[in-house]
N, C-alpha and C. Protein backbone atom coordinates (compact mmCIF):
# COMPACT_ATOMS: atom_id res chain seq x y z
N MET A 1 25.23 8.81 14.97
CA MET A 1 23.96 9.44 14.72
C MET A 1 22.85 8.57 15.36
N LEU A 2 22.35 8.98 16.52
CA LEU A 2 21.22 8.30 17.14
C LEU A 2 20.10 9.28 17.09
N LYS A 3 18.97 8.85 16.48
CA LYS A 3 17.76 9.68 16.38
C LYS A 3 16.58 8.89 16.91
N LYS A 4 15.91 9.49 17.83
CA LYS A 4 14.73 8.83 18.44
C LYS A 4 13.43 9.58 18.04
N THR A 5 12.44 8.80 17.74
CA THR A 5 11.16 9.33 17.32
C THR A 5 10.00 8.70 18.09
N ILE A 6 9.04 9.48 18.52
CA ILE A 6 7.80 8.99 19.12
C ILE A 6 6.69 9.22 18.10
N PHE A 7 5.90 8.13 17.88
CA PHE A 7 4.69 8.17 17.05
C PHE A 7 3.56 8.05 18.03
N ALA A 8 2.57 8.94 18.02
CA ALA A 8 1.52 8.90 19.06
C ALA A 8 0.18 9.36 18.47
N GLY A 9 -0.87 8.73 19.01
CA GLY A 9 -2.26 9.04 18.63
C GLY A 9 -3.25 8.17 19.36
N PHE A 10 -4.45 8.05 18.83
CA PHE A 10 -5.42 7.14 19.33
C PHE A 10 -5.18 5.76 18.79
N GLY A 11 -5.63 4.71 19.51
CA GLY A 11 -5.62 3.36 18.94
C GLY A 11 -6.46 3.33 17.72
N GLY A 12 -6.08 2.62 16.71
CA GLY A 12 -6.89 2.53 15.48
C GLY A 12 -6.45 3.52 14.40
N GLN A 13 -5.53 4.44 14.77
CA GLN A 13 -5.06 5.38 13.77
C GLN A 13 -3.80 4.88 13.00
N GLY A 14 -3.36 3.67 13.33
CA GLY A 14 -2.23 3.15 12.61
C GLY A 14 -0.86 3.65 13.17
N VAL A 15 -0.88 4.13 14.38
CA VAL A 15 0.34 4.66 14.95
C VAL A 15 1.43 3.59 15.13
N LEU A 16 1.07 2.42 15.67
CA LEU A 16 2.05 1.35 15.85
C LEU A 16 2.52 0.84 14.53
N MET A 17 1.66 0.71 13.54
CA MET A 17 2.02 0.29 12.23
C MET A 17 3.03 1.27 11.61
N MET A 18 2.78 2.56 11.78
CA MET A 18 3.68 3.55 11.24
C MET A 18 5.10 3.37 11.82
N GLY A 19 5.14 3.24 13.13
CA GLY A 19 6.42 3.07 13.73
C GLY A 19 7.14 1.76 13.34
N TYR A 20 6.35 0.70 13.22
CA TYR A 20 6.91 -0.60 12.87
C TYR A 20 7.46 -0.58 11.47
N VAL A 21 6.72 -0.01 10.53
CA VAL A 21 7.16 0.05 9.13
C VAL A 21 8.43 0.93 9.05
N PHE A 22 8.48 2.03 9.76
CA PHE A 22 9.66 2.85 9.81
C PHE A 22 10.87 2.05 10.33
N ALA A 23 10.66 1.34 11.39
CA ALA A 23 11.70 0.56 12.02
C ALA A 23 12.24 -0.51 11.09
N VAL A 24 11.39 -1.27 10.47
CA VAL A 24 11.74 -2.32 9.49
C VAL A 24 12.49 -1.70 8.34
N SER A 25 12.01 -0.57 7.80
CA SER A 25 12.66 0.08 6.72
C SER A 25 14.08 0.54 7.02
N ALA A 26 14.19 1.19 8.21
CA ALA A 26 15.57 1.63 8.65
C ALA A 26 16.49 0.43 8.85
N MET A 27 15.94 -0.67 9.37
CA MET A 27 16.78 -1.85 9.55
C MET A 27 17.23 -2.36 8.17
N ARG A 28 16.30 -2.40 7.23
CA ARG A 28 16.66 -2.85 5.90
C ARG A 28 17.74 -1.97 5.22
N ASP A 29 17.81 -0.70 5.71
CA ASP A 29 18.79 0.25 5.23
C ASP A 29 20.16 0.02 5.90
N GLY A 30 20.20 -0.91 6.78
CA GLY A 30 21.45 -1.26 7.48
C GLY A 30 21.68 -0.53 8.80
N LYS A 31 20.63 0.17 9.27
CA LYS A 31 20.74 0.88 10.55
C LYS A 31 20.44 -0.07 11.73
N ASN A 32 20.94 0.33 12.90
CA ASN A 32 20.55 -0.32 14.17
C ASN A 32 19.20 0.32 14.58
N VAL A 33 18.31 -0.50 15.02
CA VAL A 33 16.96 -0.01 15.26
C VAL A 33 16.38 -0.66 16.54
N THR A 34 15.64 0.14 17.35
CA THR A 34 14.79 -0.44 18.39
C THR A 34 13.41 0.11 18.17
N TYR A 35 12.41 -0.75 18.48
CA TYR A 35 10.97 -0.42 18.37
C TYR A 35 10.31 -0.79 19.66
N LEU A 36 9.70 0.19 20.31
CA LEU A 36 9.06 -0.02 21.56
C LEU A 36 7.61 0.46 21.55
N PRO A 37 6.67 -0.46 21.30
CA PRO A 37 5.25 -0.07 21.27
C PRO A 37 4.64 0.05 22.67
N SER A 38 3.60 0.87 22.77
CA SER A 38 2.86 1.03 24.02
C SER A 38 1.47 1.50 23.68
N TYR A 39 0.46 0.88 24.39
CA TYR A 39 -0.88 1.30 24.12
C TYR A 39 -1.71 1.01 25.36
N GLY A 40 -2.82 1.77 25.47
CA GLY A 40 -3.74 1.65 26.62
C GLY A 40 -4.51 0.43 26.48
N ALA A 41 -5.17 -0.02 27.55
CA ALA A 41 -5.93 -1.31 27.56
C ALA A 41 -7.06 -1.30 26.58
N GLU A 42 -7.60 -0.11 26.23
CA GLU A 42 -8.73 -0.08 25.26
C GLU A 42 -8.28 -0.31 23.87
N VAL A 43 -7.01 -0.07 23.51
CA VAL A 43 -6.47 -0.22 22.16
C VAL A 43 -7.22 0.71 21.22
N ARG A 44 -8.24 0.24 20.49
CA ARG A 44 -8.90 1.06 19.51
C ARG A 44 -9.66 2.16 20.28
N GLY A 45 -9.26 3.41 20.04
CA GLY A 45 -9.90 4.52 20.72
C GLY A 45 -9.06 4.98 21.93
N GLY A 46 -8.27 4.11 22.51
CA GLY A 46 -7.44 4.45 23.64
C GLY A 46 -6.14 5.09 23.09
N THR A 47 -5.26 5.34 23.91
CA THR A 47 -3.99 5.97 23.42
C THR A 47 -3.03 4.85 22.94
N ALA A 48 -2.25 5.25 22.00
CA ALA A 48 -1.20 4.32 21.43
C ALA A 48 -0.04 5.17 21.09
N ASN A 49 1.18 4.65 21.39
CA ASN A 49 2.34 5.31 20.91
C ASN A 49 3.48 4.25 20.76
N CYS A 50 4.51 4.60 20.04
CA CYS A 50 5.64 3.77 19.97
C CYS A 50 6.90 4.66 19.73
N THR A 51 8.00 4.11 20.24
CA THR A 51 9.25 4.83 20.12
C THR A 51 10.16 4.06 19.18
N VAL A 52 10.77 4.69 18.22
CA VAL A 52 11.71 4.06 17.34
C VAL A 52 13.02 4.84 17.42
N ALA A 53 14.06 4.09 17.72
CA ALA A 53 15.44 4.64 17.70
C ALA A 53 16.19 4.08 16.58
N VAL A 54 16.89 4.99 15.82
CA VAL A 54 17.68 4.60 14.66
C VAL A 54 19.07 5.16 14.83
N SER A 55 20.05 4.25 14.61
CA SER A 55 21.45 4.69 14.75
C SER A 55 22.38 3.96 13.84
N ASP A 56 23.52 4.58 13.58
CA ASP A 56 24.56 3.87 12.81
C ASP A 56 25.36 2.90 13.77
N GLU A 57 25.24 3.18 15.04
CA GLU A 57 25.93 2.40 16.06
C GLU A 57 24.95 1.69 16.97
N GLU A 58 25.48 0.80 17.83
CA GLU A 58 24.65 0.05 18.80
C GLU A 58 23.79 1.01 19.63
N ILE A 59 22.56 0.58 19.82
CA ILE A 59 21.60 1.37 20.67
C ILE A 59 21.50 0.73 22.04
N PHE A 60 21.82 1.46 23.08
CA PHE A 60 21.83 0.88 24.40
C PHE A 60 20.54 0.93 25.12
N SER A 61 19.62 1.80 24.72
CA SER A 61 18.30 1.91 25.39
C SER A 61 17.23 2.24 24.40
N PRO A 62 16.15 1.47 24.39
CA PRO A 62 15.10 1.81 23.43
C PRO A 62 14.21 2.92 23.95
N VAL A 63 14.33 3.36 25.19
CA VAL A 63 13.51 4.36 25.82
C VAL A 63 13.94 5.73 25.25
N ALA A 64 12.95 6.54 24.90
CA ALA A 64 13.26 7.85 24.37
C ALA A 64 12.64 8.90 25.30
N SER A 65 13.38 9.28 26.41
CA SER A 65 12.85 10.27 27.27
C SER A 65 12.84 11.65 26.65
N SER A 66 13.77 11.85 25.65
CA SER A 66 13.88 13.15 24.96
C SER A 66 13.95 12.82 23.51
N PRO A 67 12.90 12.50 22.80
CA PRO A 67 13.03 12.14 21.35
C PRO A 67 13.38 13.38 20.54
N ASP A 68 14.02 13.13 19.40
CA ASP A 68 14.35 14.20 18.45
C ASP A 68 13.16 14.63 17.64
N TYR A 69 12.29 13.63 17.37
CA TYR A 69 11.15 13.84 16.48
C TYR A 69 9.89 13.28 17.13
N ALA A 70 8.72 13.82 16.69
CA ALA A 70 7.44 13.29 17.07
C ALA A 70 6.54 13.36 15.84
N VAL A 71 5.75 12.29 15.72
CA VAL A 71 4.73 12.27 14.70
C VAL A 71 3.42 12.17 15.49
N ILE A 72 2.63 13.23 15.51
CA ILE A 72 1.46 13.36 16.38
C ILE A 72 0.19 13.32 15.57
N MET A 73 -0.63 12.39 15.94
CA MET A 73 -1.90 12.12 15.18
C MET A 73 -3.10 12.84 15.77
N ASN A 74 -3.05 13.26 17.12
CA ASN A 74 -4.22 13.94 17.70
C ASN A 74 -3.77 14.87 18.77
N ARG A 75 -4.67 15.68 19.23
CA ARG A 75 -4.37 16.80 20.19
C ARG A 75 -3.91 16.27 21.50
N PRO A 76 -4.52 15.22 22.13
CA PRO A 76 -4.06 14.75 23.45
C PRO A 76 -2.56 14.32 23.34
N SER A 77 -2.15 13.74 22.24
CA SER A 77 -0.78 13.34 22.07
C SER A 77 0.16 14.48 22.01
N LEU A 78 -0.28 15.57 21.37
CA LEU A 78 0.56 16.73 21.35
C LEU A 78 0.75 17.31 22.71
N THR A 79 -0.34 17.39 23.47
CA THR A 79 -0.30 17.87 24.87
C THR A 79 0.71 17.09 25.64
N LYS A 80 0.61 15.70 25.52
CA LYS A 80 1.47 14.82 26.27
C LYS A 80 2.95 14.87 25.92
N TYR A 81 3.24 14.95 24.60
CA TYR A 81 4.63 14.74 24.17
C TYR A 81 5.38 16.03 23.77
N GLU A 82 4.68 17.10 23.55
CA GLU A 82 5.33 18.33 23.05
C GLU A 82 6.54 18.71 23.94
N GLY A 83 6.39 18.68 25.19
CA GLY A 83 7.44 19.07 26.11
C GLY A 83 8.63 18.15 26.21
N THR A 84 8.47 16.94 25.65
CA THR A 84 9.55 15.93 25.74
C THR A 84 10.52 16.06 24.58
N ILE A 85 10.17 16.72 23.49
CA ILE A 85 11.00 16.77 22.30
C ILE A 85 12.26 17.57 22.56
N THR A 86 13.38 17.10 22.08
CA THR A 86 14.65 17.72 22.24
C THR A 86 14.63 19.15 21.59
N LYS A 87 15.27 20.07 22.19
CA LYS A 87 15.42 21.44 21.59
C LYS A 87 16.05 21.27 20.19
N GLY A 88 15.45 21.92 19.20
CA GLY A 88 15.84 21.79 17.81
C GLY A 88 15.19 20.65 17.07
N GLY A 89 14.35 19.92 17.77
CA GLY A 89 13.65 18.74 17.19
C GLY A 89 12.56 19.20 16.26
N ILE A 90 11.80 18.21 15.74
CA ILE A 90 10.75 18.43 14.81
C ILE A 90 9.48 17.67 15.28
N ILE A 91 8.31 18.37 15.27
CA ILE A 91 7.04 17.76 15.54
C ILE A 91 6.20 17.85 14.33
N ILE A 92 5.83 16.68 13.77
CA ILE A 92 4.96 16.65 12.58
C ILE A 92 3.57 16.29 13.17
N GLN A 93 2.65 17.21 12.93
CA GLN A 93 1.35 17.04 13.54
C GLN A 93 0.26 16.99 12.46
N ASN A 94 -0.74 16.10 12.71
CA ASN A 94 -1.85 16.00 11.86
C ASN A 94 -2.79 17.17 12.06
N SER A 95 -2.66 18.21 11.32
CA SER A 95 -3.40 19.45 11.54
C SER A 95 -4.88 19.32 11.35
N SER A 96 -5.30 18.19 10.74
CA SER A 96 -6.74 17.96 10.64
C SER A 96 -7.39 17.68 11.99
N LEU A 97 -6.58 17.13 12.92
CA LEU A 97 -7.12 16.83 14.26
C LEU A 97 -6.44 17.62 15.39
N VAL A 98 -5.32 18.22 15.10
CA VAL A 98 -4.63 18.98 16.10
C VAL A 98 -4.82 20.45 15.76
N ASP A 99 -5.70 21.12 16.51
CA ASP A 99 -6.15 22.44 16.15
C ASP A 99 -5.44 23.54 16.95
N ARG A 100 -4.21 23.32 17.37
CA ARG A 100 -3.48 24.34 18.08
C ARG A 100 -2.05 24.37 17.70
N ASP A 101 -1.39 25.53 17.88
CA ASP A 101 0.04 25.68 17.59
C ASP A 101 0.78 25.14 18.81
N LEU A 102 2.11 24.90 18.54
CA LEU A 102 3.02 24.51 19.60
C LEU A 102 3.13 25.58 20.63
N THR A 103 3.38 25.19 21.88
CA THR A 103 3.60 26.18 22.95
C THR A 103 5.02 26.57 23.08
N ARG A 104 5.94 25.95 22.31
CA ARG A 104 7.37 26.27 22.39
C ARG A 104 7.82 26.71 21.01
N ASP A 105 8.96 27.43 21.03
CA ASP A 105 9.49 28.00 19.77
C ASP A 105 10.89 27.41 19.56
N ASP A 106 11.31 26.41 20.29
CA ASP A 106 12.61 25.86 20.07
C ASP A 106 12.57 24.51 19.36
N VAL A 107 11.42 24.19 18.79
CA VAL A 107 11.25 23.02 17.96
C VAL A 107 10.48 23.42 16.69
N GLU A 108 10.67 22.69 15.63
CA GLU A 108 9.97 23.04 14.38
C GLU A 108 8.66 22.28 14.28
N ALA A 109 7.60 23.01 13.92
CA ALA A 109 6.32 22.36 13.73
C ALA A 109 6.07 22.17 12.27
N VAL A 110 5.62 20.99 11.87
CA VAL A 110 5.27 20.77 10.49
C VAL A 110 3.79 20.23 10.55
N LYS A 111 2.96 21.06 9.98
CA LYS A 111 1.52 20.74 10.05
C LYS A 111 1.06 20.10 8.75
N VAL A 112 0.57 18.87 8.84
CA VAL A 112 0.12 18.16 7.68
C VAL A 112 -1.39 17.79 7.88
N PRO A 113 -2.26 18.32 7.01
CA PRO A 113 -3.74 17.94 7.12
C PRO A 113 -4.02 16.56 6.55
N ALA A 114 -3.49 15.64 7.27
CA ALA A 114 -3.53 14.19 6.76
C ALA A 114 -4.93 13.67 6.54
N ASN A 115 -5.89 13.95 7.40
CA ASN A 115 -7.26 13.49 7.23
C ASN A 115 -7.86 14.12 5.95
N ASP A 116 -7.61 15.40 5.78
CA ASP A 116 -8.14 16.08 4.60
C ASP A 116 -7.52 15.53 3.25
N ILE A 117 -6.22 15.26 3.31
CA ILE A 117 -5.56 14.64 2.11
C ILE A 117 -6.11 13.30 1.84
N ALA A 118 -6.28 12.51 2.87
CA ALA A 118 -6.82 11.15 2.70
C ALA A 118 -8.25 11.18 2.16
N LYS A 119 -9.04 12.15 2.61
CA LYS A 119 -10.41 12.23 2.12
C LYS A 119 -10.39 12.53 0.59
N LYS A 120 -9.46 13.41 0.17
CA LYS A 120 -9.37 13.74 -1.26
C LYS A 120 -8.93 12.52 -2.07
N LEU A 121 -8.17 11.61 -1.42
CA LEU A 121 -7.72 10.39 -2.09
C LEU A 121 -8.72 9.28 -2.00
N GLY A 122 -9.80 9.58 -1.20
CA GLY A 122 -10.91 8.58 -1.13
C GLY A 122 -10.81 7.51 -0.12
N SER A 123 -9.80 7.62 0.83
CA SER A 123 -9.69 6.56 1.82
C SER A 123 -9.06 7.07 3.12
N ASP A 124 -9.75 6.86 4.20
CA ASP A 124 -9.13 7.23 5.50
C ASP A 124 -8.17 6.20 6.06
N ARG A 125 -8.01 5.09 5.30
CA ARG A 125 -7.12 4.01 5.71
C ARG A 125 -5.65 4.41 5.53
N ILE A 126 -5.36 5.53 4.92
CA ILE A 126 -3.95 5.88 4.60
C ILE A 126 -3.47 7.14 5.33
N ILE A 127 -4.21 7.55 6.28
CA ILE A 127 -3.85 8.78 7.05
C ILE A 127 -2.45 8.53 7.64
N ASN A 128 -2.18 7.37 8.21
CA ASN A 128 -0.87 7.12 8.78
C ASN A 128 0.24 7.09 7.76
N MET A 129 -0.06 6.66 6.57
CA MET A 129 0.96 6.63 5.51
C MET A 129 1.26 8.07 4.94
N ILE A 130 0.27 8.92 4.98
CA ILE A 130 0.47 10.34 4.64
C ILE A 130 1.46 10.94 5.69
N MET A 131 1.18 10.68 6.94
CA MET A 131 2.04 11.22 8.02
C MET A 131 3.42 10.65 7.88
N LEU A 132 3.52 9.32 7.60
CA LEU A 132 4.83 8.62 7.51
C LEU A 132 5.64 9.25 6.37
N GLY A 133 4.94 9.45 5.19
CA GLY A 133 5.59 10.03 4.04
C GLY A 133 6.17 11.41 4.35
N ALA A 134 5.37 12.17 5.13
CA ALA A 134 5.82 13.56 5.58
C ALA A 134 7.02 13.48 6.47
N PHE A 135 6.92 12.52 7.42
CA PHE A 135 8.04 12.37 8.38
C PHE A 135 9.32 11.97 7.65
N VAL A 136 9.27 10.95 6.87
CA VAL A 136 10.48 10.45 6.17
C VAL A 136 11.09 11.57 5.30
N THR A 137 10.24 12.27 4.59
CA THR A 137 10.75 13.28 3.69
C THR A 137 11.38 14.44 4.46
N LYS A 138 10.78 14.82 5.57
CA LYS A 138 11.29 15.93 6.41
C LYS A 138 12.61 15.52 7.10
N THR A 139 12.71 14.33 7.62
CA THR A 139 13.87 13.95 8.40
C THR A 139 14.98 13.30 7.55
N GLY A 140 14.62 12.66 6.46
CA GLY A 140 15.66 11.96 5.64
C GLY A 140 16.24 10.73 6.34
N LEU A 141 15.56 10.20 7.37
CA LEU A 141 16.09 9.03 8.06
C LEU A 141 16.00 7.76 7.28
N THR A 142 15.17 7.70 6.30
CA THR A 142 15.08 6.60 5.32
C THR A 142 14.45 7.19 4.10
N THR A 143 14.12 6.33 3.13
CA THR A 143 13.47 6.86 1.86
C THR A 143 12.11 6.28 1.74
N LEU A 144 11.30 6.88 0.84
CA LEU A 144 9.98 6.33 0.51
C LEU A 144 10.09 4.94 -0.03
N ASP A 145 11.09 4.71 -0.87
CA ASP A 145 11.29 3.35 -1.44
C ASP A 145 11.59 2.32 -0.37
N SER A 146 12.38 2.71 0.60
CA SER A 146 12.65 1.79 1.71
C SER A 146 11.34 1.54 2.51
N ILE A 147 10.53 2.53 2.70
CA ILE A 147 9.27 2.37 3.42
C ILE A 147 8.43 1.37 2.63
N MET A 148 8.31 1.54 1.30
CA MET A 148 7.52 0.63 0.51
C MET A 148 8.06 -0.79 0.60
N ASN A 149 9.34 -0.95 0.55
CA ASN A 149 9.94 -2.30 0.76
C ASN A 149 9.63 -2.89 2.15
N GLY A 150 9.61 -2.05 3.15
CA GLY A 150 9.22 -2.53 4.44
C GLY A 150 7.79 -2.91 4.51
N LEU A 151 6.91 -2.13 3.90
CA LEU A 151 5.49 -2.40 3.79
C LEU A 151 5.25 -3.72 3.12
N THR A 152 6.01 -3.95 1.99
CA THR A 152 5.84 -5.17 1.20
C THR A 152 6.19 -6.39 2.10
N GLU A 153 7.17 -6.22 2.91
CA GLU A 153 7.63 -7.31 3.82
C GLU A 153 6.62 -7.57 4.93
N ILE A 154 5.98 -6.55 5.42
CA ILE A 154 5.05 -6.65 6.56
C ILE A 154 3.65 -7.00 6.18
N VAL A 155 3.14 -6.34 5.13
CA VAL A 155 1.70 -6.45 4.77
C VAL A 155 1.48 -7.64 3.85
N LYS A 156 0.74 -8.54 4.28
CA LYS A 156 0.46 -9.81 3.44
C LYS A 156 -1.02 -10.01 3.36
N GLY A 157 -1.41 -10.98 2.54
CA GLY A 157 -2.83 -11.39 2.50
C GLY A 157 -3.71 -10.33 1.84
N LYS A 158 -4.92 -10.16 2.37
CA LYS A 158 -5.90 -9.24 1.81
C LYS A 158 -5.42 -7.79 1.84
N LYS A 159 -4.70 -7.42 2.86
CA LYS A 159 -4.20 -6.04 2.95
C LYS A 159 -3.14 -5.65 1.91
N ALA A 160 -2.54 -6.69 1.29
CA ALA A 160 -1.53 -6.45 0.25
C ALA A 160 -2.14 -5.67 -0.91
N SER A 161 -3.42 -5.74 -1.12
CA SER A 161 -4.10 -5.08 -2.21
C SER A 161 -4.12 -3.52 -1.92
N LEU A 162 -3.78 -3.12 -0.78
CA LEU A 162 -3.72 -1.67 -0.52
C LEU A 162 -2.42 -1.02 -0.76
N MET A 163 -1.47 -1.75 -1.28
CA MET A 163 -0.07 -1.19 -1.52
C MET A 163 -0.06 0.00 -2.38
N LYS A 164 -0.82 0.02 -3.47
CA LYS A 164 -0.87 1.18 -4.34
C LYS A 164 -1.44 2.45 -3.61
N LEU A 165 -2.46 2.20 -2.83
CA LEU A 165 -3.07 3.28 -2.08
C LEU A 165 -2.05 3.77 -0.99
N ASN A 166 -1.40 2.81 -0.32
CA ASN A 166 -0.36 3.20 0.64
C ASN A 166 0.75 4.06 0.01
N ARG A 167 1.16 3.72 -1.23
CA ARG A 167 2.19 4.49 -1.92
C ARG A 167 1.64 5.87 -2.22
N LYS A 168 0.36 5.99 -2.63
CA LYS A 168 -0.18 7.28 -2.87
C LYS A 168 -0.19 8.14 -1.64
N GLY A 169 -0.52 7.55 -0.50
CA GLY A 169 -0.50 8.25 0.78
C GLY A 169 0.94 8.72 1.13
N LEU A 170 1.91 7.84 1.01
CA LEU A 170 3.27 8.22 1.23
C LEU A 170 3.72 9.39 0.37
N ASP A 171 3.40 9.24 -0.95
CA ASP A 171 3.78 10.29 -1.88
C ASP A 171 3.09 11.66 -1.59
N LYS A 172 1.81 11.60 -1.18
CA LYS A 172 1.13 12.85 -0.92
C LYS A 172 1.66 13.56 0.33
N GLY A 173 2.04 12.74 1.37
CA GLY A 173 2.70 13.29 2.56
C GLY A 173 4.00 13.90 2.24
N ALA A 174 4.77 13.23 1.40
CA ALA A 174 6.12 13.80 0.99
C ALA A 174 5.91 15.03 0.13
N GLU A 175 5.00 15.01 -0.74
CA GLU A 175 4.69 16.18 -1.59
C GLU A 175 4.30 17.39 -0.77
N TYR A 176 3.48 17.16 0.24
CA TYR A 176 3.04 18.24 1.07
C TYR A 176 4.19 18.91 1.79
N VAL A 177 5.09 18.10 2.28
CA VAL A 177 6.27 18.65 3.00
C VAL A 177 7.22 19.38 2.00
N LEU A 178 7.37 18.78 0.86
CA LEU A 178 8.26 19.42 -0.19
C LEU A 178 7.72 20.78 -0.67
N LYS A 179 6.44 20.93 -0.64
CA LYS A 179 5.86 22.20 -1.06
C LYS A 179 5.94 23.25 0.02
N GLY A 180 6.55 22.92 1.13
CA GLY A 180 6.76 23.88 2.21
C GLY A 180 5.63 23.99 3.19
N ALA A 181 5.16 22.90 3.64
CA ALA A 181 4.06 22.87 4.64
C ALA A 181 4.32 23.75 5.81
């Protein structure tokens, strides 16, 4: 089972963090993992993406020319990556910022209004966790508890105080998918 995912959006949306937390969590689950970050020179406000490959067996290439899944945070990223997703794959899009439908019908679209959900929770700092919760729940590649364990391992210092809020974001993303987004 080799599954590749691309996480994409603007710099500052927590795209690389989402991918890294997912990678660490899957690794803690005993999976083989590769994490390949990429971002434009501008970083915040520029483009950012990362590819995470997860497998039960050794992974020979971290490059995902045809990922199975995409977590899309903005419209330019959907335009760029929609055509690369494997037939039968899943695209989870932040419908608060992506205002168009997919142009293909051989992949599943899951629309999550992450910015709107975050606003209701009172913090735009967890938009990426809402999307990550939706992704993990939809794909089953790891669990929310594993994600929280990964976050605990990664997030230290002042940001550790955001763990409860991060969990709320993960749970709301999961809940949205379970309700049939």
